[in-house]
Amino acid sequence: MIPRRYARLSAILDRRQPTLTVLIDDLQKAHNVSAVLRTCDAVGVLEAHGITDSESFRAKVTSAAGSDRYVEMRLHPDFGGAFRHLRERGLQVVAAALDETAVDFREVDYTLPTCVVLGQEGPGLATDILAQVDTKIMIPMSGAVESLNVSVAAAVILFEAQRQRQAAGLYDTPQVDEVTRQRLLFEWGHRKLAEYCRQKGYPYPRIGDDGELLDPIPRG
């Protein structure tokens, strides 16, 4: 990895926000998920989450767009498992919903560790899911339609989260831990070598200050 590429990847990681994420319920359309991931990348989300019982969906998302190269997508078989994972990380969970108790999405404090839950347009989120979240949010609309495409809604909400976090200085200090940083620098900067190491069960080498590999990779 040349120093210029290393510097670029390092700068991206310096702005990543591990305490901001999204959870997409009932994954169905790969192009919608890919559009959400592009927004996640733009605002510095480190890892996104999705609910699906299809193990093949990750391949569909990967083939639809390249943003997930820089935003990890963690899949969960159901909301219960996803919700427990989010709670264990200490995240407040807010859900976009057409609900009379929902508040304006700009009233939420996104400088707190936050997960934004999004449903598919049309049916939206199930009642049992909405009953478990901390806050229901809505995007005020003045037209004839009542809801936005899920990827558009994600962009509106996440850029508000970015605005608040920038004002609070959360992008000024790196937040990704060193272990995760080293792993991602290797996976992003040496994709073929990373795949080779995973297939062989070899540990990733350490990355130096200029992007060089500090440890040899076994061959064979």
Protein backbone atom coordinates (compact mmCIF):
# COMPACT_ATOMS: atom_id res chain seq x y z
CA MET A 1 0.00 0.00 0.00
CA ILE A 2 1.55 3.28 -1.09
CA PRO A 3 1.83 6.05 1.57
CA ARG A 4 -0.74 8.26 -0.20
CA ARG A 5 -3.39 5.54 -0.11
CA TYR A 6 -2.52 4.73 3.51
CA ALA A 7 -2.96 8.41 4.44
CA ARG A 8 -6.37 8.50 2.73
CA LEU A 9 -7.62 5.36 4.49
CA SER A 10 -6.26 6.61 7.81
CA ALA A 11 -8.12 9.89 7.37
CA ILE A 12 -11.37 8.01 6.68
CA LEU A 13 -10.91 5.93 9.83
CA ASP A 14 -10.12 9.03 11.88
CA ARG A 15 -13.61 10.32 11.09
CA ARG A 16 -15.51 7.06 11.55
CA GLN A 17 -18.26 7.11 14.19
CA PRO A 18 -18.55 3.68 15.86
CA THR A 19 -21.34 5.01 18.11
CA LEU A 20 -23.64 5.86 15.19
CA THR A 21 -25.33 3.12 13.18
CA VAL A 22 -28.48 2.08 11.35
CA LEU A 23 -30.60 -1.06 11.43
CA ILE A 24 -32.67 -1.88 8.35
CA ASP A 25 -35.58 -4.22 9.02
CA ASP A 26 -36.72 -6.88 6.55
CA LEU A 27 -34.05 -6.49 3.87
CA GLN A 28 -35.59 -6.96 0.42
CA LYS A 29 -34.14 -4.58 -2.18
CA ALA A 30 -30.38 -4.62 -2.63
CA HIS A 31 -30.30 -1.23 -4.36
CA ASN A 32 -32.06 0.41 -1.39
CA VAL A 33 -29.61 -1.14 1.06
CA SER A 34 -26.67 -0.07 -1.08
CA ALA A 35 -28.00 3.50 -1.17
CA VAL A 36 -28.27 3.50 2.63
CA LEU A 37 -24.70 2.22 2.87
CA ARG A 38 -23.48 5.04 0.64
CA THR A 39 -25.02 7.53 3.05
CA CYS A 40 -23.52 5.63 5.99
CA ASP A 41 -20.10 5.97 4.39
CA ALA A 42 -20.66 9.68 3.74
CA VAL A 43 -21.45 10.46 7.40
CA GLY A 44 -18.82 8.15 8.87
CA VAL A 45 -20.85 5.17 10.07
CA LEU A 46 -18.45 2.30 10.81
CA GLU A 47 -20.91 -0.61 10.79
CA ALA A 48 -24.53 -0.97 9.66
CA HIS A 49 -27.04 -3.68 10.57
CA GLY A 50 -29.78 -5.48 8.72
CA ILE A 51 -32.43 -8.09 9.46
CA THR A 52 -32.92 -10.93 6.99
CA ASP A 53 -33.25 -14.69 7.00
CA SER A 54 -31.43 -14.92 3.66
CA GLU A 55 -27.74 -15.74 3.91
CA SER A 56 -27.34 -14.83 0.24
CA PHE A 57 -28.42 -11.23 0.72
CA ARG A 58 -24.90 -9.99 1.52
CA ALA A 59 -23.78 -11.05 -1.97
CA LYS A 60 -26.69 -9.14 -3.51
CA VAL A 61 -25.77 -5.99 -1.59
CA THR A 62 -22.10 -6.32 -2.57
CA SER A 63 -22.95 -6.70 -6.25
CA ALA A 64 -25.29 -3.71 -6.23
CA ALA A 65 -22.79 -1.09 -4.99
CA GLY A 66 -19.29 -0.69 -3.65
CA SER A 67 -19.93 1.44 -0.55
CA ASP A 68 -20.06 -1.63 1.67
CA ARG A 69 -16.34 -2.02 0.97
CA TYR A 70 -15.93 0.66 3.63
CA VAL A 71 -19.05 0.11 5.75
CA GLU A 72 -19.37 -3.31 7.33
CA MET A 73 -22.84 -4.86 7.17
CA ARG A 74 -23.77 -7.11 10.07
CA LEU A 75 -26.79 -9.32 9.36
CA HIS A 76 -29.19 -10.56 12.05
CA PRO A 77 -31.88 -13.25 11.61
CA ASP A 78 -34.45 -11.36 13.69
CA PHE A 79 -35.03 -8.09 15.52
CA GLY A 80 -34.66 -9.65 18.96
CA GLY A 81 -31.05 -10.64 18.33
CA ALA A 82 -30.25 -7.32 16.68
CA PHE A 83 -31.86 -5.38 19.53
CA ARG A 84 -29.85 -7.25 22.18
CA HIS A 85 -26.64 -6.55 20.27
CA LEU A 86 -27.42 -2.83 20.10
CA ARG A 87 -28.33 -2.66 23.77
CA GLU A 88 -25.10 -4.41 24.77
CA ARG A 89 -23.24 -1.64 22.97
CA GLY A 90 -25.11 0.99 24.97
CA LEU A 91 -26.95 2.56 22.02
CA GLN A 92 -30.19 4.47 22.20
CA VAL A 93 -32.55 3.05 19.60
CA VAL A 94 -34.73 5.44 17.59
CA ALA A 95 -37.11 4.31 14.87
CA ALA A 96 -38.57 6.15 11.91
CA ALA A 97 -42.33 5.61 12.09
CA LEU A 98 -45.64 7.07 10.99
CA ASP A 99 -46.94 7.19 14.54
CA GLU A 100 -48.87 9.84 16.45
CA THR A 101 -46.33 9.64 19.30
CA ALA A 102 -43.33 10.18 17.00
CA VAL A 103 -41.28 13.35 17.49
CA ASP A 104 -39.56 15.49 14.88
CA PHE A 105 -36.33 13.67 13.97
CA ARG A 106 -34.33 16.86 14.69
CA GLU A 107 -35.33 16.74 18.37
CA VAL A 108 -33.20 13.63 19.03
CA ASP A 109 -29.70 14.04 20.49
CA TYR A 110 -27.57 12.11 18.00
CA THR A 111 -24.36 12.95 19.82
CA LEU A 112 -25.35 10.10 22.13
CA PRO A 113 -24.55 6.54 20.97
CA THR A 114 -27.44 5.98 18.54
CA CYS A 115 -28.96 3.41 16.23
CA VAL A 116 -31.57 4.55 13.71
CA VAL A 117 -34.05 1.79 12.81
CA LEU A 118 -35.59 1.95 9.36
CA GLY A 119 -38.36 -0.15 7.83
CA GLN A 120 -39.26 -0.80 4.23
CA GLU A 121 -41.50 1.82 2.64
CA GLY A 122 -45.12 0.72 2.62
CA PRO A 123 -45.54 -1.59 5.60
CA GLY A 124 -42.98 0.22 7.76
CA LEU A 125 -41.93 -1.24 11.09
CA ALA A 126 -43.99 -3.81 12.95
CA THR A 127 -45.82 -2.83 16.13
CA ASP A 128 -43.75 -5.20 18.30
CA ILE A 129 -40.55 -3.54 17.05
CA LEU A 130 -41.83 -0.04 17.73
CA ALA A 131 -42.79 -1.09 21.25
CA GLN A 132 -39.13 -1.81 22.07
CA VAL A 133 -37.41 1.33 20.81
CA ASP A 134 -36.57 4.36 22.94
CA THR A 135 -37.96 7.03 20.64
CA LYS A 136 -40.11 7.09 17.51
CA ILE A 137 -39.19 9.81 15.05
CA MET A 138 -40.80 11.27 11.95
CA ILE A 139 -39.72 13.54 9.10
CA PRO A 140 -42.26 16.39 8.75
CA MET A 141 -43.75 16.45 5.25
CA SER A 142 -46.02 18.95 3.54
CA GLY A 143 -46.92 17.10 0.36
CA ALA A 144 -49.41 14.43 -0.63
CA VAL A 145 -47.17 11.45 0.19
CA GLU A 146 -46.77 10.30 3.78
CA SER A 147 -43.35 8.66 3.65
CA LEU A 148 -40.01 8.72 1.85
CA ASN A 149 -38.06 5.93 0.23
CA VAL A 150 -36.03 4.20 2.95
CA SER A 151 -32.71 5.34 1.49
CA VAL A 152 -33.90 8.96 1.28
CA ALA A 153 -35.18 8.85 4.86
CA ALA A 154 -31.86 7.42 6.00
CA ALA A 155 -30.00 10.28 4.31
CA VAL A 156 -32.19 12.96 5.87
CA ILE A 157 -31.81 11.53 9.39
CA LEU A 158 -28.12 10.62 9.18
CA PHE A 159 -27.05 14.01 7.85
CA GLU A 160 -28.83 15.61 10.81
CA ALA A 161 -26.86 13.26 13.04
CA GLN A 162 -23.67 14.31 11.25
CA ARG A 163 -24.52 17.99 11.70
CA GLN A 164 -24.99 17.56 15.44
CA ARG A 165 -21.84 15.47 15.83
CA GLN A 166 -19.73 17.92 13.86
CA ALA A 167 -20.96 20.78 16.04
CA ALA A 168 -20.02 18.74 19.13
CA GLY A 169 -16.52 18.01 17.78
CA LEU A 170 -17.02 14.26 17.55
CA TYR A 171 -15.30 14.11 14.16
CA ASP A 172 -12.22 15.90 15.47
CA THR A 173 -10.89 13.03 17.60
CA PRO A 174 -10.48 9.45 16.28
CA GLN A 175 -12.96 7.08 17.94
CA VAL A 176 -12.05 3.72 16.38
CA ASP A 177 -10.03 1.48 18.71
CA GLU A 178 -6.54 0.45 17.59
CA VAL A 179 -7.37 -3.24 17.08
CA THR A 180 -10.26 -2.40 14.76
CA ARG A 181 -8.19 0.28 13.06
CA GLN A 182 -5.37 -2.15 12.25
CA ARG A 183 -7.82 -4.76 10.95
CA LEU A 184 -9.62 -2.33 8.67
CA LEU A 185 -6.44 -0.75 7.35
CA PHE A 186 -5.28 -4.19 6.25
CA GLU A 187 -8.66 -5.26 4.84
CA TRP A 188 -9.18 -1.98 2.98
CA GLY A 189 -5.61 -1.59 1.78
CA HIS A 190 -4.74 -5.22 1.01
CA ARG A 191 -8.03 -6.88 0.05
CA LYS A 192 -6.56 -9.89 -1.74
CA LEU A 193 -4.04 -10.54 1.04
CA ALA A 194 -6.80 -10.19 3.65
CA GLU A 195 -8.92 -12.77 1.83
CA TYR A 196 -5.88 -15.07 1.61
CA CYS A 197 -5.26 -14.76 5.36
CA ARG A 198 -8.91 -15.48 6.16
CA GLN A 199 -8.94 -18.56 3.94
CA LYS A 200 -5.75 -19.91 5.50
CA GLY A 201 -6.60 -18.89 9.06
CA TYR A 202 -3.51 -16.67 9.32
CA PRO A 203 -3.48 -13.60 11.58
CA TYR A 204 -3.36 -10.24 9.87
CA PRO A 205 0.06 -8.54 9.87
CA ARG A 206 0.52 -5.23 11.61
CA ILE A 207 0.43 -2.04 9.51
CA GLY A 208 3.26 0.50 9.87
CA ASP A 209 3.01 4.28 9.90
CA ASP A 210 3.42 4.48 6.12
CA GLY A 211 1.15 1.55 5.30
CA GLU A 212 3.90 -1.05 5.12
CA LEU A 213 3.39 -4.59 6.45
CA LEU A 214 5.43 -5.14 9.60
CA ASP A 215 4.97 -8.92 9.79
CA PRO A 216 5.58 -11.59 7.15
CA ILE A 217 2.61 -13.49 5.70
CA PRO A 218 3.14 -17.27 5.53
CA ARG A 219 2.92 -18.78 2.07
CA GLY A 220 1.52 -22.15 1.08
